[in-house]
Protein backbone atom coordinates (compact mmCIF):
# COMPACT_ATOMS: atom_id res chain seq x y z
CA UNK A 1 0.00 0.00 0.00
CA UNK A 2 2.66 2.42 -1.01
CA UNK A 3 2.62 5.52 -3.17
CA UNK A 4 1.38 3.50 -6.15
CA UNK A 5 -1.88 2.76 -4.35
CA UNK A 6 -4.98 4.90 -4.64
CA UNK A 7 -7.05 5.96 -1.67
CA UNK A 8 -10.51 4.44 -1.73
CA UNK A 9 -13.44 6.45 -0.33
CA UNK A 10 -13.85 3.86 2.44
CA UNK A 11 -11.39 4.79 5.21
CA UNK A 12 -8.63 2.22 5.51
CA UNK A 13 -9.34 0.56 2.15
CA UNK A 14 -6.75 0.80 -0.60
CA UNK A 15 -6.83 -0.43 -4.17
CA UNK A 16 -4.04 -0.79 -6.67
CA UNK A 17 -4.01 1.56 -9.67
CA UNK A 18 -6.48 0.33 -12.28
CA UNK A 19 -8.11 -2.14 -9.87
CA UNK A 20 -11.77 -1.61 -9.23
CA UNK A 21 -12.99 -1.68 -5.66
CA UNK A 22 -13.61 -5.33 -5.26
CA UNK A 23 -11.22 -8.23 -5.16
CA UNK A 24 -8.38 -6.83 -3.08
CA UNK A 25 -10.56 -4.78 -0.77
CA UNK A 26 -13.08 -7.57 -0.25
CA UNK A 27 -10.53 -10.36 0.19
CA UNK A 28 -7.88 -8.62 2.24
CA UNK A 29 -8.66 -5.15 3.48
CA UNK A 30 -12.26 -4.74 4.54
CA UNK A 31 -11.86 -6.84 7.67
CA UNK A 32 -8.83 -4.74 8.64
CA UNK A 33 -10.66 -1.45 8.04
CA UNK A 34 -12.46 -1.51 11.35
CA UNK A 35 -16.10 -2.07 12.17
CA UNK A 36 -17.40 -0.19 9.10
CA UNK A 37 -15.25 -2.36 6.82
CA UNK A 38 -16.42 -5.53 8.51
CA UNK A 39 -20.04 -4.45 8.07
CA UNK A 40 -19.46 -3.84 4.34
CA UNK A 41 -17.69 -7.20 3.94
CA UNK A 42 -20.47 -9.04 5.77
CA UNK A 43 -23.15 -7.24 3.74
CA UNK A 44 -21.37 -8.28 0.52
CA UNK A 45 -21.20 -11.92 1.66
CA UNK A 46 -24.85 -11.81 2.73
CA UNK A 47 -25.91 -10.42 -0.66
CA UNK A 48 -24.01 -13.18 -2.45
CA UNK A 49 -25.55 -15.77 -0.11
CA UNK A 50 -29.05 -14.40 -0.81
CA UNK A 51 -28.38 -14.57 -4.55
CA UNK A 52 -27.31 -18.21 -4.38
CA UNK A 53 -30.21 -19.10 -2.07
CA UNK A 54 -32.63 -17.38 -4.45
CA UNK A 55 -31.23 -19.29 -7.43
CA UNK A 56 -31.41 -22.59 -5.54
CA UNK A 57 -34.99 -21.95 -4.43
CA UNK A 58 -36.05 -20.88 -7.92
CA UNK A 59 -34.55 -24.02 -9.39
CA UNK A 60 -36.21 -26.19 -6.76
CA UNK A 61 -39.66 -24.72 -7.32
CA UNK A 62 -39.42 -24.70 -11.10
CA UNK A 63 -38.58 -28.40 -11.40
CA UNK A 64 -41.37 -30.68 -10.13
CA UNK A 65 -39.12 -33.73 -9.94
CA UNK A 66 -36.91 -31.85 -7.48
CA UNK A 67 -39.72 -31.45 -4.98
CA UNK A 68 -37.67 -33.30 -2.37
CA UNK A 69 -34.96 -30.65 -2.43
CA UNK A 70 -34.12 -28.91 0.83
CA UNK A 71 -33.24 -25.58 -0.78
CA UNK A 72 -36.04 -23.76 0.95
CA UNK A 73 -35.38 -25.39 4.33
CA UNK A 74 -31.65 -24.68 4.49
CA UNK A 75 -30.70 -22.02 7.02
CA UNK A 76 -29.29 -18.76 5.71
CA UNK A 77 -25.93 -19.56 7.36
CA UNK A 78 -25.63 -22.55 5.00
CA UNK A 79 -25.41 -20.13 2.09
CA UNK A 80 -23.07 -17.80 3.97
CA UNK A 81 -20.78 -20.80 4.49
CA UNK A 82 -20.87 -21.51 0.74
CA UNK A 83 -19.81 -17.94 0.07
CA UNK A 84 -17.07 -18.31 2.67
CA UNK A 85 -15.65 -21.23 0.71
CA UNK A 86 -15.67 -19.19 -2.47
CA UNK A 87 -14.18 -16.24 -0.59
CA UNK A 88 -11.28 -18.43 0.51
CA UNK A 89 -10.43 -19.19 -3.12
CA UNK A 90 -10.53 -15.48 -3.99
CA UNK A 91 -8.50 -14.64 -0.89
CA UNK A 92 -5.74 -17.06 -1.85
CA UNK A 93 -5.47 -15.64 -5.36
CA UNK A 94 -5.52 -12.03 -4.18
CA UNK A 95 -3.07 -12.58 -1.33
CA UNK A 96 -0.57 -14.13 -3.76
CA UNK A 97 -0.90 -11.28 -6.29
CA UNK A 98 -2.89 -13.28 -8.84
CA UNK A 99 -5.75 -10.80 -9.19
CA UNK A 100 -5.31 -10.87 -12.96
CA UNK A 101 -6.05 -14.62 -12.87
CA UNK A 102 -9.28 -14.54 -10.84
CA UNK A 103 -11.17 -15.73 -13.91
CA UNK A 104 -9.56 -19.12 -13.38
CA UNK A 105 -11.77 -19.54 -10.34
CA UNK A 106 -15.07 -19.44 -12.20
CA UNK A 107 -15.19 -23.14 -13.01
CA UNK A 108 -13.98 -24.42 -9.62
CA UNK A 109 -16.39 -22.13 -7.76
CA UNK A 110 -19.37 -23.10 -9.92
CA UNK A 111 -18.47 -26.80 -9.58
CA UNK A 112 -18.20 -26.36 -5.80
CA UNK A 113 -21.56 -24.60 -5.51
CA UNK A 114 -23.35 -27.09 -7.75
CA UNK A 115 -21.87 -30.10 -5.94
CA UNK A 116 -22.68 -28.82 -2.45
CA UNK A 117 -26.17 -27.67 -3.37
CA UNK A 118 -26.92 -30.98 -5.10
CA UNK A 119 -25.54 -33.10 -2.24
CA UNK A 120 -27.46 -31.55 0.59
C-alpha atoms as a PDB file:
ATOM      1  CA  UNK A   1       0.000   0.000   0.000  1.00  0.00           C
ATOM      2  CA  UNK A   2       2.664   2.418  -1.012  1.00  0.00           C
ATOM      3  CA  UNK A   3       2.622   5.518  -3.166  1.00  0.00           C
ATOM      4  CA  UNK A   4       1.375   3.498  -6.152  1.00  0.00           C
ATOM      5  CA  UNK A   5      -1.876   2.763  -4.352  1.00  0.00           C
ATOM      6  CA  UNK A   6      -4.979   4.898  -4.640  1.00  0.00           C
ATOM      7  CA  UNK A   7      -7.052   5.957  -1.674  1.00  0.00           C
ATOM      8  CA  UNK A   8     -10.513   4.442  -1.729  1.00  0.00           C
ATOM      9  CA  UNK A   9     -13.441   6.445  -0.330  1.00  0.00           C
ATOM     10  CA  UNK A  10     -13.855   3.864   2.437  1.00  0.00           C
ATOM     11  CA  UNK A  11     -11.389   4.795   5.206  1.00  0.00           C
ATOM     12  CA  UNK A  12      -8.631   2.224   5.515  1.00  0.00           C
ATOM     13  CA  UNK A  13      -9.341   0.562   2.154  1.00  0.00           C
ATOM     14  CA  UNK A  14      -6.749   0.805  -0.604  1.00  0.00           C
ATOM     15  CA  UNK A  15      -6.834  -0.425  -4.174  1.00  0.00           C
ATOM     16  CA  UNK A  16      -4.041  -0.793  -6.671  1.00  0.00           C
ATOM     17  CA  UNK A  17      -4.007   1.557  -9.674  1.00  0.00           C
ATOM     18  CA  UNK A  18      -6.483   0.328 -12.280  1.00  0.00           C
ATOM     19  CA  UNK A  19      -8.105  -2.137  -9.869  1.00  0.00           C
ATOM     20  CA  UNK A  20     -11.770  -1.607  -9.230  1.00  0.00           C
ATOM     21  CA  UNK A  21     -12.992  -1.681  -5.663  1.00  0.00           C
ATOM     22  CA  UNK A  22     -13.607  -5.326  -5.259  1.00  0.00           C
ATOM     23  CA  UNK A  23     -11.221  -8.226  -5.159  1.00  0.00           C
ATOM     24  CA  UNK A  24      -8.381  -6.826  -3.084  1.00  0.00           C
ATOM     25  CA  UNK A  25     -10.557  -4.776  -0.765  1.00  0.00           C
ATOM     26  CA  UNK A  26     -13.081  -7.571  -0.246  1.00  0.00           C
ATOM     27  CA  UNK A  27     -10.532 -10.356   0.188  1.00  0.00           C
ATOM     28  CA  UNK A  28      -7.877  -8.615   2.244  1.00  0.00           C
ATOM     29  CA  UNK A  29      -8.655  -5.155   3.475  1.00  0.00           C
ATOM     30  CA  UNK A  30     -12.265  -4.744   4.540  1.00  0.00           C
ATOM     31  CA  UNK A  31     -11.864  -6.839   7.674  1.00  0.00           C
ATOM     32  CA  UNK A  32      -8.830  -4.736   8.640  1.00  0.00           C
ATOM     33  CA  UNK A  33     -10.661  -1.451   8.039  1.00  0.00           C
ATOM     34  CA  UNK A  34     -12.461  -1.507  11.351  1.00  0.00           C
ATOM     35  CA  UNK A  35     -16.101  -2.066  12.172  1.00  0.00           C
ATOM     36  CA  UNK A  36     -17.397  -0.189   9.101  1.00  0.00           C
ATOM     37  CA  UNK A  37     -15.250  -2.362   6.823  1.00  0.00           C
ATOM     38  CA  UNK A  38     -16.419  -5.530   8.514  1.00  0.00           C
ATOM     39  CA  UNK A  39     -20.040  -4.452   8.065  1.00  0.00           C
ATOM     40  CA  UNK A  40     -19.460  -3.843   4.336  1.00  0.00           C
ATOM     41  CA  UNK A  41     -17.693  -7.197   3.941  1.00  0.00           C
ATOM     42  CA  UNK A  42     -20.475  -9.043   5.765  1.00  0.00           C
ATOM     43  CA  UNK A  43     -23.149  -7.244   3.742  1.00  0.00           C
ATOM     44  CA  UNK A  44     -21.374  -8.282   0.519  1.00  0.00           C
ATOM     45  CA  UNK A  45     -21.202 -11.916   1.664  1.00  0.00           C
ATOM     46  CA  UNK A  46     -24.854 -11.813   2.735  1.00  0.00           C
ATOM     47  CA  UNK A  47     -25.912 -10.422  -0.656  1.00  0.00           C
ATOM     48  CA  UNK A  48     -24.013 -13.182  -2.445  1.00  0.00           C
ATOM     49  CA  UNK A  49     -25.546 -15.774  -0.112  1.00  0.00           C
ATOM     50  CA  UNK A  50     -29.046 -14.405  -0.805  1.00  0.00           C
ATOM     51  CA  UNK A  51     -28.384 -14.569  -4.552  1.00  0.00           C
ATOM     52  CA  UNK A  52     -27.305 -18.215  -4.378  1.00  0.00           C
ATOM     53  CA  UNK A  53     -30.212 -19.095  -2.073  1.00  0.00           C
ATOM     54  CA  UNK A  54     -32.632 -17.382  -4.454  1.00  0.00           C
ATOM     55  CA  UNK A  55     -31.232 -19.293  -7.427  1.00  0.00           C
ATOM     56  CA  UNK A  56     -31.412 -22.592  -5.539  1.00  0.00           C
ATOM     57  CA  UNK A  57     -34.990 -21.946  -4.429  1.00  0.00           C
ATOM     58  CA  UNK A  58     -36.052 -20.876  -7.921  1.00  0.00           C
ATOM     59  CA  UNK A  59     -34.548 -24.023  -9.392  1.00  0.00           C
ATOM     60  CA  UNK A  60     -36.209 -26.193  -6.758  1.00  0.00           C
ATOM     61  CA  UNK A  61     -39.663 -24.718  -7.316  1.00  0.00           C
ATOM     62  CA  UNK A  62     -39.416 -24.696 -11.098  1.00  0.00           C
ATOM     63  CA  UNK A  63     -38.585 -28.397 -11.404  1.00  0.00           C
ATOM     64  CA  UNK A  64     -41.367 -30.675 -10.134  1.00  0.00           C
ATOM     65  CA  UNK A  65     -39.120 -33.732  -9.944  1.00  0.00           C
ATOM     66  CA  UNK A  66     -36.907 -31.845  -7.479  1.00  0.00           C
ATOM     67  CA  UNK A  67     -39.722 -31.450  -4.978  1.00  0.00           C
ATOM     68  CA  UNK A  68     -37.672 -33.296  -2.369  1.00  0.00           C
ATOM     69  CA  UNK A  69     -34.965 -30.649  -2.425  1.00  0.00           C
ATOM     70  CA  UNK A  70     -34.118 -28.914   0.827  1.00  0.00           C
ATOM     71  CA  UNK A  71     -33.237 -25.583  -0.781  1.00  0.00           C
ATOM     72  CA  UNK A  72     -36.038 -23.762   0.950  1.00  0.00           C
ATOM     73  CA  UNK A  73     -35.376 -25.390   4.327  1.00  0.00           C
ATOM     74  CA  UNK A  74     -31.651 -24.679   4.491  1.00  0.00           C
ATOM     75  CA  UNK A  75     -30.696 -22.024   7.024  1.00  0.00           C
ATOM     76  CA  UNK A  76     -29.289 -18.762   5.712  1.00  0.00           C
ATOM     77  CA  UNK A  77     -25.926 -19.560   7.355  1.00  0.00           C
ATOM     78  CA  UNK A  78     -25.631 -22.551   5.002  1.00  0.00           C
ATOM     79  CA  UNK A  79     -25.407 -20.129   2.086  1.00  0.00           C
ATOM     80  CA  UNK A  80     -23.072 -17.796   3.966  1.00  0.00           C
ATOM     81  CA  UNK A  81     -20.777 -20.798   4.493  1.00  0.00           C
ATOM     82  CA  UNK A  82     -20.867 -21.511   0.745  1.00  0.00           C
ATOM     83  CA  UNK A  83     -19.813 -17.938   0.071  1.00  0.00           C
ATOM     84  CA  UNK A  84     -17.072 -18.310   2.674  1.00  0.00           C
ATOM     85  CA  UNK A  85     -15.649 -21.233   0.713  1.00  0.00           C
ATOM     86  CA  UNK A  86     -15.674 -19.186  -2.469  1.00  0.00           C
ATOM     87  CA  UNK A  87     -14.176 -16.237  -0.595  1.00  0.00           C
ATOM     88  CA  UNK A  88     -11.277 -18.435   0.513  1.00  0.00           C
ATOM     89  CA  UNK A  89     -10.433 -19.191  -3.119  1.00  0.00           C
ATOM     90  CA  UNK A  90     -10.530 -15.483  -3.995  1.00  0.00           C
ATOM     91  CA  UNK A  91      -8.501 -14.644  -0.888  1.00  0.00           C
ATOM     92  CA  UNK A  92      -5.735 -17.059  -1.845  1.00  0.00           C
ATOM     93  CA  UNK A  93      -5.465 -15.639  -5.358  1.00  0.00           C
ATOM     94  CA  UNK A  94      -5.518 -12.028  -4.184  1.00  0.00           C
ATOM     95  CA  UNK A  95      -3.072 -12.580  -1.332  1.00  0.00           C
ATOM     96  CA  UNK A  96      -0.573 -14.126  -3.755  1.00  0.00           C
ATOM     97  CA  UNK A  97      -0.902 -11.281  -6.293  1.00  0.00           C
ATOM     98  CA  UNK A  98      -2.892 -13.282  -8.839  1.00  0.00           C
ATOM     99  CA  UNK A  99      -5.752 -10.804  -9.193  1.00  0.00           C
ATOM    100  CA  UNK A 100      -5.310 -10.871 -12.959  1.00  0.00           C
ATOM    101  CA  UNK A 101      -6.049 -14.621 -12.873  1.00  0.00           C
ATOM    102  CA  UNK A 102      -9.282 -14.536 -10.844  1.00  0.00           C
ATOM    103  CA  UNK A 103     -11.170 -15.726 -13.915  1.00  0.00           C
ATOM    104  CA  UNK A 104      -9.556 -19.123 -13.383  1.00  0.00           C
ATOM    105  CA  UNK A 105     -11.770 -19.537 -10.339  1.00  0.00           C
ATOM    106  CA  UNK A 106     -15.068 -19.437 -12.198  1.00  0.00           C
ATOM    107  CA  UNK A 107     -15.192 -23.141 -13.011  1.00  0.00           C
ATOM    108  CA  UNK A 108     -13.983 -24.423  -9.619  1.00  0.00           C
ATOM    109  CA  UNK A 109     -16.390 -22.130  -7.763  1.00  0.00           C
ATOM    110  CA  UNK A 110     -19.372 -23.105  -9.924  1.00  0.00           C
ATOM    111  CA  UNK A 111     -18.467 -26.800  -9.580  1.00  0.00           C
ATOM    112  CA  UNK A 112     -18.197 -26.363  -5.804  1.00  0.00           C
ATOM    113  CA  UNK A 113     -21.555 -24.598  -5.512  1.00  0.00           C
ATOM    114  CA  UNK A 114     -23.350 -27.087  -7.751  1.00  0.00           C
ATOM    115  CA  UNK A 115     -21.870 -30.098  -5.943  1.00  0.00           C
ATOM    116  CA  UNK A 116     -22.678 -28.823  -2.453  1.00  0.00           C
ATOM    117  CA  UNK A 117     -26.169 -27.673  -3.366  1.00  0.00           C
ATOM    118  CA  UNK A 118     -26.921 -30.979  -5.097  1.00  0.00           C
ATOM    119  CA  UNK A 119     -25.542 -33.099  -2.242  1.00  0.00           C
ATOM    120  CA  UNK A 120     -27.459 -31.551   0.592  1.00  0.00           C
END
